[in-house]
Protein backbone atom coordinates (compact mmCIF):
# COMPACT_ATOMS: atom_id res chain seq x y z
CA MET A 1 43.14 89.53 94.07
CA GLU A 2 44.91 90.38 96.83
CA ARG A 3 47.92 91.61 96.42
CA LYS A 4 51.10 89.52 98.05
CA ARG A 5 53.26 91.38 100.07
CA PRO A 6 57.49 92.04 99.43
CA VAL A 7 58.34 90.10 103.04
CA VAL A 8 61.82 89.54 101.62
CA GLY A 9 62.38 92.85 99.86
CA SER A 10 61.10 94.34 103.00
CA ILE A 11 63.09 92.31 105.35
CA ALA A 12 66.69 93.44 102.68
CA ILE A 13 65.85 96.73 102.83
CA ALA A 14 65.39 96.68 106.80
CA LEU A 15 69.38 94.98 106.98
CA GLY A 16 70.38 97.40 104.10
CA ALA A 17 69.18 100.64 106.50
CA ALA A 18 70.59 98.91 109.23
CA ALA A 19 73.94 97.88 107.85
CA LEU A 20 74.40 101.89 106.62
CA LEU A 21 73.16 102.99 109.85
CA LEU A 22 76.05 101.06 111.46
CA ALA A 23 78.85 102.21 108.93
CA ILE A 24 77.77 106.21 109.42
CA ALA A 25 77.60 105.37 112.94
CA HIS A 26 80.80 103.66 113.34
CA PHE A 27 82.46 106.60 111.54
CA TRP A 28 81.02 109.58 113.14
CA GLY A 29 81.39 107.43 116.86
CA GLY A 30 84.09 105.60 116.33
CA PRO A 31 86.52 103.94 116.91
CA PHE A 32 84.87 102.43 119.96
CA THR A 33 87.83 100.83 121.33
CA GLN A 34 91.30 103.08 122.35
CA GLN A 35 93.50 103.28 119.98
CA PRO A 36 97.14 104.33 120.13
CA PRO A 37 98.57 107.18 119.03
CA THR A 38 99.06 107.93 115.18
CA GLU A 39 102.47 108.54 116.47
CA LYS A 40 103.19 105.10 117.66
CA THR A 41 101.10 103.70 114.51
CA VAL A 42 103.39 105.51 112.17
CA ALA A 43 106.10 104.26 114.19
CA GLU A 44 105.81 100.37 114.62
CA LYS A 45 104.83 100.73 110.85
CA ALA A 46 107.90 102.16 109.70
CA VAL A 47 109.89 99.66 111.83
CA ALA A 48 108.22 96.89 110.64
CA ILE A 49 109.13 97.98 106.65
CA ARG A 50 112.91 98.20 107.77
CA ASP A 51 112.72 94.65 109.53
CA ALA A 52 110.70 93.28 106.57
CA THR A 53 113.23 94.93 104.18
CA VAL A 54 116.44 93.78 106.07
CA ALA A 55 114.72 90.23 105.83
CA ALA A 56 113.70 90.43 102.65
CA LEU A 57 117.48 90.85 101.60
CA LYS A 58 118.88 88.55 103.58
CA GLY A 59 115.84 85.86 102.26
CA GLU A 60 114.46 85.47 106.03
CA GLU A 61 110.60 85.41 106.52
CA TYR A 62 109.53 88.09 107.90
CA THR A 63 106.37 88.16 110.67
CA PRO A 64 106.02 90.81 112.79
CA ALA A 65 105.10 89.38 116.72
CA ALA A 66 102.78 92.77 117.36
CA GLU A 67 100.72 91.01 114.21
CA VAL A 68 100.54 87.61 115.56
CA ALA A 69 99.28 89.03 119.14
CA LYS A 70 97.17 91.34 117.04
CA ARG A 71 95.10 88.61 114.91
CA SER A 72 93.33 86.91 117.64
CA ARG A 73 92.17 90.21 119.34
CA TRP A 74 88.82 91.29 118.60
CA ASP A 75 87.82 93.96 119.49
CA LEU A 76 84.13 96.65 119.01
CA ASP A 77 85.48 98.32 115.78
CA GLN A 78 86.01 95.12 114.78
CA LEU A 79 83.28 93.68 115.37
CA ALA A 80 81.44 96.44 114.04
CA ARG A 81 82.83 96.85 110.54
CA LEU A 82 82.03 92.44 110.59
CA ALA A 83 78.42 93.12 111.14
CA THR A 84 78.18 96.04 108.64
CA GLY A 85 79.73 93.42 105.72
CA VAL A 86 77.57 90.67 107.07
CA MET A 87 74.31 92.90 106.93
CA ALA A 88 74.73 94.53 103.96
CA GLY A 89 75.59 91.33 102.17
CA ALA A 90 72.77 89.82 103.83
CA ALA A 91 70.04 92.70 102.28
CA ILE A 92 71.83 92.02 98.68
CA ILE A 93 71.19 88.62 98.55
CA LEU A 94 68.04 89.09 99.78
CA ALA A 95 66.86 91.79 97.44
CA VAL A 96 68.26 88.93 94.52
CA VAL A 97 66.13 86.69 96.48
CA SER A 98 63.08 89.36 96.32
CA LEU A 99 63.59 89.40 92.29
CA ALA A 100 63.67 85.67 91.88
CA MET A 101 60.05 85.81 93.93
CA HIS A 102 58.93 88.46 91.19
CA GLU A 103 58.03 90.74 94.32
CA PRO A 104 58.30 94.52 93.05
CA LEU A 105 61.40 96.02 91.30
CA ARG A 106 61.35 98.73 93.81
CA VAL A 107 61.30 97.03 97.05
CA ALA A 108 64.15 95.09 95.96
CA ALA A 109 66.26 97.56 94.02
CA GLY A 110 65.92 99.38 97.45
CA GLY A 111 68.14 96.37 99.19
CA VAL A 112 70.43 96.72 97.23
CA ILE A 113 71.10 100.02 97.16
CA LEU A 114 71.54 100.52 100.80
CA GLY A 115 73.03 97.45 101.46
CA GLY A 116 75.27 98.47 98.25
CA ALA A 117 75.75 101.78 99.84
CA ALA A 118 77.00 100.47 103.42
CA LEU A 119 79.48 98.04 101.67
CA ALA A 120 80.99 101.46 99.28
CA PHE A 121 80.95 103.49 102.51
CA GLN A 122 83.35 101.08 104.26
CA PHE A 123 85.38 100.57 101.39
CA VAL A 124 85.72 103.98 100.77
CA ILE A 125 86.73 105.18 104.41
CA ILE A 126 89.48 102.62 104.52
CA ALA A 127 91.06 103.53 101.01
CA ILE A 128 90.82 107.04 101.73
CA ALA A 129 92.41 105.96 105.52
CA ALA A 130 94.85 103.80 103.24
CA VAL A 131 95.98 106.67 101.13
CA PHE A 132 96.96 108.67 103.95
CA MET A 133 98.54 106.63 106.06
CA ALA A 134 100.72 105.70 103.11
CA ILE A 135 101.72 108.97 103.04
CA LEU A 136 102.26 109.68 106.22
CA ILE A 137 104.55 106.65 106.67
CA GLY A 138 106.34 108.25 103.08
CA ALA A 139 107.32 111.19 104.87
CA VAL A 140 108.81 109.45 107.78
CA LEU A 141 110.67 107.05 106.26
CA GLY A 142 111.96 110.40 103.77
CA GLU A 143 113.13 111.73 107.28
CA LEU A 144 114.80 109.01 108.72
CA GLY A 145 117.07 108.58 105.30
CA PHE A 146 114.97 105.96 103.53
CA ASP A 147 114.45 107.13 100.32
C-alpha cells in the first residue's frame, strides 16, 4: 500500500517557517521605513495624554489629528507585521486541516509550532516595547509635573 504524502501539513510547515523568518527578519533588520526619533514620539504621546485628560475633564471627546492621518497610511513595517500574522494563522489552520485529513501528527504539530512561534514572537516583542514606552512616558510626565 502506497503511503499518502502530507501535502497540507507540509504547506503548513512552509507557511509557519516563512512567518517565523519574516518576524525575525523584521525584528533584526527593521524598521524598514523611516521612524521618528524616540524623543519626538515620547513628546507627542505625553502631549496627547495631557490633551486627552483635559478633554475628559471637560466632558469632550478627544481624537488627535495625528492618529486620524496615521490610520490611512500603510508602510512596509505594517505590511510585514500583517503578512507575518496572516501566514502564521494560515499555518495553524492548515495544520488543523492536516490533522483532520489524518496526516501524520508530526507534520501537523510542526505547522502549529512554527505558526504559533511566529505569533508569539510578535506579541512578546510588542509587549516588551509597550512596557518600555509606558515607563518612558511615565518618566517624562513625572518630569513635567503630571505625577
